[in-house]
Amino acid sequence: MRLLGFSLMRAWYTVVFLCLASAASAQTRTLPDFTGLVEQNSPAVVNISTTQKVKAPHPGSSGQDRPDLPQGTPFDDFFRRFFGDPDEGGAPDFDAKSLGSGFIISPDGYILTNSHVIDDADKIVVRLSDRREFEAKVIGSDKRSDVALLKIDANNLPVVKIGDSDKLKAGEWVLAIGSPFGFDHSVTAGIVSAKGRNLPSENYVPFIQTDVAINPGNSGGPLFNMDGEVVGINSQIYSRTGGFMGLSFAIPINTTMNVVEQIKSKGYVSRGWLGILIQDVTQELAESFNMKKPAGALVARVLPDSPAQKAGIKVGDIITEYKGHEVVSSSNLPPMVGNTAVGSTADVKVIRDGKEMTLHIRIAELPKEEDIKLSSKGKSDEKSQSVSEQRLAVTVSPLTDAQRKQLDIKEEGGVIVTAVDDGPASRAGIRRGDIILKLNNLDVKDVKHFNKLVADLPQDRSVAVLVQRRDGPLFLALKLDDAE
């Protein structure tokens, strides 16, 4: 019996060991091997160094004047080096240098990188993997997408394979090759964290977010998928220290190649334009617009003579679909519109007054300057008056012509907030100096009309308030106190 028990125990341990070994072997097989991908694609990745002439400040221009010491003192040579020779006009000009990455997309020397890598450069030098160096020429650069196309005088160069960034999925393995801090052909890997990210300074790029380690010098380098295809250009990092913190952003290669084709064909990049200012729909705003859930892009302003105005889009419309694609949040819309061919027609689905409708808009070209000023019109014929509105705990007054001109308000009507006490208005985010243009989706004509609208406000749900501030229009959600 003892022998039998020992044999059974040994057999049980053997089975457990084999199961653990099999599991470990299976896990090893699922981990990616990047060696072949790196060997195949590294030769097409380049180092980019730039030089820019920088004028030294004139002595005293920065607040640091050269001490007035007699010539020949022990410190004379030191101050001459630091401040420059006053007889020669100060310190000499110097060369500012920076590093970045790029990759070759054609055997005859076309190279892609970031626009910010080569901005204002007087000289751009491309170093290949075989250590050869070439001075590059800028074929075109687009700051809005942060893409630049360079050309070097060389042939039979190794090239990358261009992939399809639309097919990327969150959780997919990706790999970056670049020159962080000048360390050429450094390889880092991670996964796609998210797609379609919108950054504050870049409205027309649906960034790919990854956790690939990206640092200064990686900018402009390629992001590969596991098939060895370039799916993005590493462009930005989120960092509080200046180094990698787990959040990296790449420009989708589909967006990039659209820019490249336009630069090659016409020398500049054009984008579609609707002519509206938009914001996200919060849960409270969704309730005020009788929506089941927060979604879409809320129109806060329609610019005059824009495609949107001509098509009939109004302030307060919520765009939920563009050319058959769902608009989940406001950040989804600008890249969709920007990638639309100028002159083409787009079907835009909106929610207005709780009803869904489809508008047909002929897309125009995005103006060169994005800060489009509205013409100032409108007069205030009301006598100066103010009213303390008890239901909202806010005081408003009529608008003056000067205030309309200062804030570029074209619309007639509106009232200015002159005081805000603790109450529903302050909790909604209304501030002193705000111009209230709409309340509960109705235009505010004057102070008297504002009082009437406030008196008619419902007690049981949020309502939308459109205010105008120096930085633009904004919808807020306002709800009366239960005690009211």
Protein backbone atom coordinates (compact mmCIF):
# COMPACT_ATOMS: atom_id res chain seq x y z
CA MET A 1 0.00 0.00 0.00
CA ARG A 2 2.81 2.39 0.88
CA LEU A 3 4.55 1.66 -2.42
CA LEU A 4 1.32 2.20 -4.32
CA GLY A 5 0.71 5.51 -2.53
CA PHE A 6 4.23 6.71 -3.31
CA SER A 7 3.82 5.79 -6.96
CA LEU A 8 0.54 7.67 -7.17
CA MET A 9 2.05 10.74 -5.53
CA ARG A 10 5.01 10.69 -7.89
CA ALA A 11 2.68 10.40 -10.85
CA TRP A 12 0.61 13.33 -9.55
CA TYR A 13 3.72 15.56 -9.20
CA THR A 14 4.80 14.54 -12.69
CA VAL A 15 1.44 15.59 -14.14
CA VAL A 16 1.55 18.93 -12.29
CA PHE A 17 5.10 19.60 -13.50
CA LEU A 18 4.18 18.82 -17.09
CA CYS A 19 1.14 21.12 -16.88
CA LEU A 20 3.22 23.99 -15.49
CA ALA A 21 5.91 23.44 -18.11
CA SER A 22 3.28 23.39 -20.85
CA ALA A 23 1.71 26.62 -19.54
CA ALA A 24 5.12 28.33 -19.37
CA SER A 25 5.91 27.16 -22.89
CA ALA A 26 2.55 28.47 -24.17
CA GLN A 27 3.13 31.82 -22.47
CA THR A 28 6.56 32.07 -24.05
CA ARG A 29 5.09 31.41 -27.46
CA THR A 30 2.54 34.26 -27.06
CA LEU A 31 5.18 36.90 -26.27
CA PRO A 32 6.24 38.76 -29.42
CA ASP A 33 9.70 38.45 -30.93
CA PHE A 34 10.74 41.78 -32.45
CA THR A 35 14.20 40.79 -33.69
CA GLY A 36 13.20 40.10 -37.31
CA LEU A 37 11.12 43.27 -37.50
CA VAL A 38 14.00 45.39 -36.18
CA GLU A 39 16.59 43.84 -38.50
CA GLN A 40 14.37 44.38 -41.51
CA ASN A 41 13.34 47.98 -40.81
CA SER A 42 16.22 49.64 -38.95
CA PRO A 43 18.13 50.52 -42.17
CA ALA A 44 15.20 52.72 -43.29
CA VAL A 45 15.16 54.74 -40.04
CA VAL A 46 17.33 57.88 -40.03
CA ASN A 47 18.71 60.39 -37.56
CA ILE A 48 17.88 64.04 -38.27
CA SER A 49 19.97 66.87 -36.86
CA THR A 50 19.18 70.53 -37.42
CA THR A 51 21.09 73.76 -36.99
CA GLN A 52 19.55 77.17 -36.48
CA LYS A 53 21.35 80.50 -36.25
CA VAL A 54 20.35 82.30 -33.08
CA LYS A 55 21.18 85.93 -32.45
CA ALA A 56 22.71 86.57 -29.06
CA PRO A 57 20.97 89.25 -27.00
CA HIS A 58 22.58 92.66 -26.94
CA PRO A 59 24.32 93.45 -23.67
CA GLY A 60 21.73 94.67 -21.20
CA SER A 61 18.74 93.44 -23.24
CA SER A 62 18.10 90.57 -20.82
CA GLY A 63 18.61 92.65 -17.73
CA GLN A 64 22.16 91.34 -17.19
CA ASP A 65 24.51 94.26 -17.85
CA ARG A 66 28.25 93.80 -17.98
CA PRO A 67 29.76 95.15 -14.76
CA ASP A 68 31.59 98.44 -15.25
CA LEU A 69 35.14 97.36 -14.29
CA PRO A 70 38.47 98.82 -15.35
CA GLN A 71 40.23 97.02 -18.20
CA GLY A 72 43.00 94.67 -17.18
CA THR A 73 41.37 93.50 -13.96
CA PRO A 74 41.55 89.74 -13.17
CA PHE A 75 37.84 89.33 -14.05
CA ASP A 76 37.99 91.24 -17.35
CA ASP A 77 38.51 88.10 -19.47
CA PHE A 78 35.70 86.24 -17.68
CA PHE A 79 33.14 89.02 -18.23
CA ARG A 80 34.28 89.40 -21.85
CA ARG A 81 33.44 85.74 -22.48
CA PHE A 82 30.10 85.87 -20.67
CA PHE A 83 28.79 89.24 -21.86
CA GLY A 84 30.84 89.72 -25.02
CA ASP A 85 33.08 92.59 -25.96
CA PRO A 86 31.10 95.85 -25.57
CA ASP A 87 33.18 97.42 -28.35
CA GLU A 88 32.00 94.68 -30.75
CA GLY A 89 28.30 94.88 -29.83
CA GLY A 90 28.03 92.01 -27.34
CA ALA A 91 28.25 88.21 -27.50
CA PRO A 92 28.54 86.55 -30.93
CA ASP A 93 25.64 84.71 -32.59
CA PHE A 94 25.57 80.96 -31.99
CA ASP A 95 24.21 77.78 -33.57
CA ALA A 96 21.31 76.05 -31.82
CA LYS A 97 21.21 72.32 -32.57
CA SER A 98 18.42 69.77 -32.14
CA LEU A 99 17.92 66.08 -32.86
CA GLY A 100 15.04 64.01 -34.17
CA SER A 101 14.21 60.92 -36.17
CA GLY A 102 12.67 60.10 -39.53
CA PHE A 103 12.15 57.25 -41.99
CA ILE A 104 12.62 56.71 -45.71
CA ILE A 105 9.45 56.15 -47.75
CA SER A 106 10.93 55.92 -51.26
CA PRO A 107 14.24 54.62 -52.70
CA ASP A 108 14.99 58.02 -54.28
CA GLY A 109 15.29 59.80 -50.92
CA TYR A 110 11.90 61.02 -49.67
CA ILE A 111 11.84 61.07 -45.87
CA LEU A 112 9.06 61.67 -43.35
CA THR A 113 9.48 63.36 -39.98
CA ASN A 114 7.66 65.81 -37.70
CA SER A 115 7.22 69.43 -38.68
CA HIS A 116 8.43 70.55 -35.26
CA VAL A 117 11.72 68.67 -35.77
CA ILE A 118 12.75 70.88 -38.71
CA ASP A 119 10.89 74.15 -37.96
CA ASP A 120 13.03 77.26 -38.54
CA ALA A 121 16.12 75.14 -39.27
CA ASP A 122 18.86 76.72 -41.40
CA LYS A 123 20.46 73.36 -42.08
CA ILE A 124 19.07 69.80 -41.92
CA VAL A 125 21.43 66.82 -41.94
CA VAL A 126 20.15 63.26 -42.37
CA ARG A 127 22.37 60.43 -41.17
CA LEU A 128 21.62 56.94 -42.49
CA SER A 129 22.17 53.65 -40.68
CA ASP A 130 25.42 53.10 -42.65
CA ARG A 131 26.72 56.43 -41.22
CA ARG A 132 26.47 58.35 -44.52
CA GLU A 133 25.24 61.92 -44.13
CA PHE A 134 23.20 64.07 -46.53
CA GLU A 135 21.92 67.61 -46.35
CA ALA A 136 18.14 67.50 -46.73
CA LYS A 137 15.76 69.82 -48.54
CA VAL A 138 12.29 70.56 -47.17
CA ILE A 139 9.69 69.64 -49.80
CA GLY A 140 6.80 70.69 -47.60
CA SER A 141 5.75 71.05 -43.99
CA ASP A 142 2.29 71.13 -42.39
CA LYS A 143 2.19 72.46 -38.83
CA ARG A 144 -1.45 71.53 -38.24
CA SER A 145 -0.70 67.82 -38.61
CA ASP A 146 2.98 68.13 -37.53
CA VAL A 147 4.19 66.36 -40.68
CA ALA A 148 7.19 67.32 -42.83
CA LEU A 149 8.42 65.79 -46.09
CA LEU A 150 12.18 65.94 -46.78
CA LYS A 151 14.32 64.92 -49.76
CA ILE A 152 17.96 63.86 -49.93
CA ASP A 153 20.03 63.33 -53.08
CA ALA A 154 20.45 59.55 -52.94
CA ASN A 155 19.15 56.41 -54.69
CA ASN A 156 18.52 52.73 -53.98
CA LEU A 157 17.75 53.47 -50.35
CA PRO A 158 16.02 51.01 -47.99
CA VAL A 159 12.38 51.90 -47.38
CA VAL A 160 9.66 51.11 -44.86
CA LYS A 161 6.36 49.46 -45.71
CA ILE A 162 3.34 51.72 -45.20
CA GLY A 163 0.46 50.13 -43.28
CA ASP A 164 -3.18 51.02 -42.55
CA SER A 165 -3.64 52.85 -39.24
CA ASP A 166 -7.44 52.46 -39.44
CA LYS A 167 -7.00 48.73 -38.80
CA LEU A 168 -5.13 49.25 -35.53
CA LYS A 169 -6.85 48.07 -32.37
CA ALA A 170 -6.34 48.95 -28.73
CA GLY A 171 -4.18 46.31 -27.06
CA GLU A 172 -2.19 45.55 -30.22
CA TRP A 173 1.60 45.35 -29.97
CA VAL A 174 3.57 48.19 -31.59
CA LEU A 175 7.25 49.08 -31.81
CA ALA A 176 9.19 52.34 -32.22
CA ILE A 177 12.67 52.93 -33.64
CA GLY A 178 14.33 56.30 -33.17
CA SER A 179 17.12 58.35 -31.63
CA PRO A 180 16.09 59.29 -28.07
CA PHE A 181 18.66 61.70 -26.59
CA GLY A 182 20.80 61.03 -29.68
CA PHE A 183 21.10 57.24 -29.17
CA ASP A 184 20.60 56.12 -32.79
CA HIS A 185 18.31 53.20 -33.66
CA SER A 186 17.00 52.63 -30.15
CA VAL A 187 14.10 50.17 -30.10
CA THR A 188 11.16 50.35 -27.68
CA ALA A 189 7.88 48.41 -27.67
CA GLY A 190 4.45 48.54 -26.08
CA ILE A 191 0.78 48.38 -26.95
CA VAL A 192 -1.83 50.67 -28.46
CA SER A 193 -3.53 52.29 -25.46
CA ALA A 194 -6.29 54.08 -27.41
CA LYS A 195 -7.15 55.56 -30.80
CA GLY A 196 -8.63 58.86 -31.90
CA ARG A 197 -7.16 60.92 -29.08
CA ASN A 198 -7.61 64.67 -29.40
CA LEU A 199 -4.93 66.94 -27.97
CA PRO A 200 -5.60 70.59 -27.10
CA SER A 201 -3.14 71.97 -29.64
CA GLU A 202 -3.98 69.54 -32.45
CA ASN A 203 -7.64 69.50 -33.57
CA TYR A 204 -7.16 67.79 -36.92
CA VAL A 205 -5.16 64.72 -35.87
CA PRO A 206 -6.85 61.67 -34.28
CA PHE A 207 -3.72 60.58 -32.37
CA ILE A 208 -2.79 56.99 -31.58
CA GLN A 209 -2.00 56.71 -27.87
CA THR A 210 0.57 54.08 -26.87
CA ASP A 211 2.66 53.13 -23.86
CA VAL A 212 5.79 52.80 -26.00
CA ALA A 213 8.72 54.57 -24.35
CA ILE A 214 9.20 57.78 -26.37
CA ASN A 215 11.68 60.49 -25.34
CA PRO A 216 13.17 63.67 -26.88
CA GLY A 217 14.85 62.60 -30.12
CA ASN A 218 12.21 59.97 -30.95
CA SER A 219 10.05 62.63 -32.61
CA GLY A 220 9.49 61.90 -36.28
CA GLY A 221 10.40 58.22 -35.99
CA PRO A 222 8.17 55.36 -37.18
CA LEU A 223 5.68 53.32 -35.17
CA PHE A 224 5.44 49.74 -36.50
CA ASN A 225 2.81 47.06 -36.12
CA MET A 226 3.74 43.39 -35.81
CA ASP A 227 3.63 42.95 -39.59
CA GLY A 228 6.53 45.40 -39.92
CA GLU A 229 4.32 48.14 -41.36
CA VAL A 230 4.49 51.79 -40.34
CA VAL A 231 1.18 52.75 -38.75
CA GLY A 232 2.18 56.11 -37.25
CA ILE A 233 4.79 58.83 -36.67
CA ASN A 234 5.83 59.26 -33.04
CA SER A 235 5.10 62.89 -32.29
CA GLN A 236 4.39 63.83 -28.68
CA ILE A 237 4.56 62.65 -25.09
CA TYR A 238 2.64 63.62 -22.01
CA SER A 239 5.16 64.37 -19.30
CA ARG A 240 5.55 66.38 -16.13
CA THR A 241 9.29 65.75 -16.07
CA GLY A 242 10.30 66.10 -19.73
CA GLY A 243 10.82 62.34 -20.01
CA PHE A 244 8.63 59.31 -20.71
CA MET A 245 5.73 58.76 -18.31
CA GLY A 246 3.72 56.07 -20.10
CA LEU A 247 1.71 58.30 -22.45
CA SER A 248 2.97 58.63 -26.04
CA PHE A 249 1.11 59.91 -29.08
CA ALA A 250 1.64 59.07 -32.75
CA ILE A 251 0.15 60.62 -35.89
CA PRO A 252 -1.80 57.93 -37.82
CA ILE A 253 0.00 57.02 -41.03
CA ASN A 254 -3.25 57.37 -43.03
CA THR A 255 -3.46 61.02 -41.97
CA THR A 256 0.24 61.44 -42.76
CA MET A 257 0.08 59.98 -46.26
CA ASN A 258 -2.86 62.22 -47.13
CA VAL A 259 -0.66 65.19 -46.18
CA VAL A 260 2.24 63.79 -48.24
CA GLU A 261 0.10 63.38 -51.35
CA GLN A 262 -1.16 66.96 -51.10
CA ILE A 263 2.33 68.35 -50.56
CA LYS A 264 3.62 66.46 -53.61
CA SER A 265 0.69 67.33 -55.86
CA LYS A 266 0.04 71.00 -55.01
CA GLY A 267 2.71 72.08 -52.55
CA TYR A 268 0.39 72.75 -49.62
CA VAL A 269 -2.29 71.02 -47.54
CA SER A 270 -5.97 71.95 -47.70
CA ARG A 271 -8.60 70.76 -45.24
CA GLY A 272 -12.35 70.73 -45.11
CA TRP A 273 -14.11 73.38 -43.02
CA LEU A 274 -17.62 73.73 -41.59
CA GLY A 275 -17.21 77.05 -39.78
CA ILE A 276 -18.54 76.16 -36.33
CA LEU A 277 -17.26 76.17 -32.75
CA ILE A 278 -18.22 73.05 -30.83
CA GLN A 279 -18.04 71.49 -27.37
CA ASP A 280 -18.77 68.17 -25.68
CA VAL A 281 -22.22 67.19 -24.47
CA THR A 282 -22.15 66.48 -20.72
CA GLN A 283 -24.71 64.40 -18.87
CA GLU A 284 -26.41 67.57 -17.60
CA LEU A 285 -26.49 69.15 -21.07
CA ALA A 286 -27.84 65.92 -22.54
CA GLU A 287 -30.71 66.13 -20.04
CA SER A 288 -31.38 69.75 -21.00
CA PHE A 289 -31.60 68.77 -24.68
CA ASN A 290 -33.84 65.76 -23.92
CA MET A 291 -31.20 63.27 -25.02
CA LYS A 292 -31.05 59.75 -23.60
CA LYS A 293 -27.25 59.85 -23.25
CA PRO A 294 -24.45 62.39 -23.75
CA ALA A 295 -23.05 62.14 -27.28
CA GLY A 296 -22.20 64.25 -30.30
CA ALA A 297 -20.75 67.72 -30.86
CA LEU A 298 -22.75 70.67 -29.50
CA VAL A 299 -22.64 73.75 -31.76
CA ALA A 300 -21.76 76.80 -29.65
CA ARG A 301 -21.23 79.24 -32.53
CA VAL A 302 -21.82 79.36 -36.28
CA LEU A 303 -19.44 81.64 -38.15
CA PRO A 304 -20.93 84.05 -40.70
CA ASP A 305 -20.79 83.14 -44.40
CA SER A 306 -19.54 79.67 -43.46
CA PRO A 307 -20.68 76.37 -45.01
CA ALA A 308 -22.53 75.58 -41.78
CA GLN A 309 -24.49 78.83 -41.83
CA LYS A 310 -25.39 78.41 -45.51
CA ALA A 311 -26.62 74.87 -44.84
CA GLY A 312 -28.79 75.97 -41.93
CA ILE A 313 -26.87 74.72 -38.89
CA LYS A 314 -27.87 76.67 -35.79
CA VAL A 315 -26.40 77.31 -32.36
CA GLY A 316 -27.66 74.56 -30.05
CA ASP A 317 -27.70 71.87 -32.76
CA ILE A 318 -26.01 68.64 -31.73
CA ILE A 319 -24.13 66.89 -34.54
CA THR A 320 -24.44 63.14 -34.03
CA GLU A 321 -23.36 61.81 -37.41
CA TYR A 322 -21.05 63.01 -40.20
CA LYS A 323 -21.04 61.29 -43.60
CA GLY A 324 -22.44 58.13 -42.06
CA HIS A 325 -19.91 58.03 -39.20
CA GLU A 326 -21.09 58.41 -35.61
CA VAL A 327 -19.82 61.47 -33.74
CA VAL A 328 -19.35 60.14 -30.21
CA SER A 329 -17.66 63.27 -28.84
CA SER A 330 -16.78 66.71 -30.15
CA SER A 331 -13.14 65.67 -30.70
CA ASN A 332 -14.26 63.17 -33.36
CA LEU A 333 -15.63 65.83 -35.69
CA PRO A 334 -12.63 68.06 -36.68
CA PRO A 335 -10.54 65.18 -38.16
CA MET A 336 -13.57 63.92 -40.08
CA VAL A 337 -14.26 67.35 -41.56
CA GLY A 338 -10.56 68.08 -42.14
CA ASN A 339 -10.15 64.92 -44.22
CA THR A 340 -13.17 65.74 -46.40
CA ALA A 341 -12.39 66.90 -49.93
CA VAL A 342 -12.95 70.62 -50.40
CA GLY A 343 -16.00 71.24 -52.59
CA SER A 344 -17.65 67.92 -51.82
CA THR A 345 -21.01 67.55 -50.08
CA ALA A 346 -21.40 65.93 -46.67
CA ASP A 347 -24.57 64.70 -45.00
CA VAL A 348 -24.65 65.87 -41.39
CA LYS A 349 -27.19 64.48 -38.93
CA VAL A 350 -28.19 66.84 -36.11
CA ILE A 351 -30.58 66.91 -33.18
CA ARG A 352 -32.55 70.17 -32.93
CA ASP A 353 -35.32 70.77 -30.40
CA GLY A 354 -35.39 67.04 -29.66
CA LYS A 355 -35.89 66.11 -33.32
CA GLU A 356 -33.37 64.49 -35.66
CA MET A 357 -32.73 65.96 -39.10
CA THR A 358 -30.16 65.63 -41.88
CA LEU A 359 -28.51 68.65 -43.51
CA HIS A 360 -26.46 68.65 -46.72
CA ILE A 361 -23.36 70.81 -46.42
CA ARG A 362 -20.94 71.79 -49.17
CA ILE A 363 -17.50 71.70 -47.53
CA ALA A 364 -15.21 74.72 -47.96
CA GLU A 365 -11.47 75.04 -47.42
CA LEU A 366 -10.17 75.73 -43.93
CA PRO A 367 -8.94 79.35 -43.83
CA LYS A 368 -5.27 80.03 -43.24
CA GLU A 369 -5.98 81.76 -39.95
CA GLU A 370 -8.09 79.76 -37.52
CA ASP A 371 -8.89 82.75 -35.32
CA ILE A 372 -11.75 84.06 -37.42
CA LYS A 373 -13.13 87.26 -35.97
CA LEU A 374 -16.83 87.94 -36.14
CA SER A 375 -17.94 91.36 -37.27
CA SER A 376 -19.41 93.48 -34.49
CA LYS A 377 -22.99 94.54 -35.00
CA GLY A 378 -25.97 95.29 -32.87
CA LYS A 379 -27.08 98.16 -30.72
CA SER A 380 -28.41 98.37 -27.23
CA ASP A 381 -31.39 100.71 -27.16
CA GLU A 382 -32.32 99.84 -23.60
CA LYS A 383 -31.72 102.28 -20.83
CA SER A 384 -29.12 101.22 -18.34
CA GLN A 385 -30.76 98.93 -15.83
CA SER A 386 -29.98 95.86 -13.77
CA VAL A 387 -32.06 93.21 -12.09
CA SER A 388 -31.28 90.84 -9.26
CA GLU A 389 -32.72 87.51 -10.32
CA GLN A 390 -33.75 85.68 -7.17
CA ARG A 391 -34.32 82.28 -8.74
CA LEU A 392 -30.77 82.08 -10.12
CA ALA A 393 -28.97 84.37 -7.64
CA VAL A 394 -27.49 86.36 -10.51
CA THR A 395 -27.61 90.02 -11.55
CA VAL A 396 -27.71 90.97 -15.23
CA SER A 397 -27.65 94.20 -17.24
CA PRO A 398 -28.12 95.14 -20.91
CA LEU A 399 -25.14 94.97 -23.23
CA THR A 400 -23.43 98.14 -24.45
CA ASP A 401 -22.10 98.61 -27.96
CA ALA A 402 -18.56 98.64 -26.56
CA GLN A 403 -19.09 95.28 -24.89
CA ARG A 404 -20.46 93.78 -28.10
CA LYS A 405 -17.45 95.04 -30.02
CA GLN A 406 -14.98 93.84 -27.41
CA LEU A 407 -16.38 90.28 -27.46
CA ASP A 408 -17.18 90.19 -31.20
CA ILE A 409 -20.87 89.49 -30.60
CA LYS A 410 -22.83 89.76 -33.81
CA GLU A 411 -26.15 88.44 -32.52
CA GLU A 412 -28.81 90.84 -31.31
CA GLY A 413 -29.91 90.58 -27.69
CA GLY A 414 -28.13 89.03 -24.76
CA VAL A 415 -27.46 90.27 -21.23
CA ILE A 416 -24.25 90.64 -19.26
CA VAL A 417 -23.78 89.13 -15.80
CA THR A 418 -22.73 91.83 -13.35
CA ALA A 419 -22.89 89.81 -10.12
CA VAL A 420 -23.19 86.17 -9.09
CA ASP A 421 -24.19 85.03 -5.59
CA ASP A 422 -24.23 81.54 -4.18
CA GLY A 423 -27.02 79.70 -5.98
CA PRO A 424 -27.98 77.82 -9.16
CA ALA A 425 -26.09 80.18 -11.51
CA SER A 426 -22.77 79.90 -9.65
CA ARG A 427 -23.10 76.11 -9.38
CA ALA A 428 -23.67 75.94 -13.14
CA GLY A 429 -20.39 77.80 -13.68
CA ILE A 430 -21.78 81.20 -14.68
CA ARG A 431 -19.30 83.98 -13.92
CA ARG A 432 -19.36 87.74 -13.59
CA GLY A 433 -18.75 89.19 -17.06
CA ASP A 434 -20.41 86.31 -18.93
CA ILE A 435 -22.78 87.27 -21.73
CA ILE A 436 -25.91 85.11 -21.58
CA LEU A 437 -27.13 84.61 -25.15
CA LYS A 438 -29.50 81.65 -24.74
CA LEU A 439 -31.50 80.21 -21.87
CA ASN A 440 -33.36 76.90 -22.14
CA ASN A 441 -32.59 76.88 -25.90
CA LEU A 442 -34.28 80.26 -26.44
CA ASP A 443 -32.51 83.48 -27.50
CA VAL A 444 -32.30 86.09 -24.73
CA LYS A 445 -33.58 89.38 -26.22
CA ASP A 446 -33.07 91.73 -23.28
CA VAL A 447 -33.22 91.94 -19.47
CA LYS A 448 -37.02 91.85 -19.37
CA HIS A 449 -37.10 88.81 -21.63
CA PHE A 450 -34.40 87.15 -19.52
CA ASN A 451 -36.56 87.57 -16.40
CA LYS A 452 -39.52 85.98 -18.16
CA LEU A 453 -37.42 83.02 -19.33
CA VAL A 454 -36.09 82.51 -15.81
CA ALA A 455 -39.61 82.60 -14.37
CA ASP A 456 -40.67 79.86 -16.80
CA LEU A 457 -37.75 77.55 -16.07
CA PRO A 458 -38.72 73.96 -15.16
CA GLN A 459 -37.99 72.76 -11.65
CA ASP A 460 -37.23 69.10 -12.30
CA ARG A 461 -34.50 69.06 -14.93
CA SER A 462 -31.36 70.78 -16.22
CA VAL A 463 -31.58 73.46 -18.88
CA ALA A 464 -28.88 74.71 -21.26
CA VAL A 465 -27.38 78.19 -20.94
CA LEU A 466 -25.20 79.62 -23.73
CA VAL A 467 -22.67 82.16 -22.47
CA GLN A 468 -20.04 84.14 -24.33
CA ARG A 469 -16.62 84.68 -22.77
CA ARG A 470 -13.37 86.18 -23.98
CA ASP A 471 -12.14 82.72 -24.98
CA GLY A 472 -15.32 81.85 -26.88
CA PRO A 473 -18.89 80.60 -26.46
CA LEU A 474 -19.76 77.83 -24.00
CA PHE A 475 -22.89 75.87 -23.10
CA LEU A 476 -23.50 75.28 -19.38
CA ALA A 477 -26.10 73.12 -17.66
CA LEU A 478 -28.25 74.93 -15.06
CA LYS A 479 -30.65 73.37 -12.58
CA LEU A 480 -32.84 75.17 -10.05
CA ASP A 481 -32.67 74.34 -6.36
CA ASP A 482 -35.22 71.81 -5.17
CA ALA A 483 -36.47 74.33 -2.65
CA GLU A 484 -37.38 76.84 -5.33
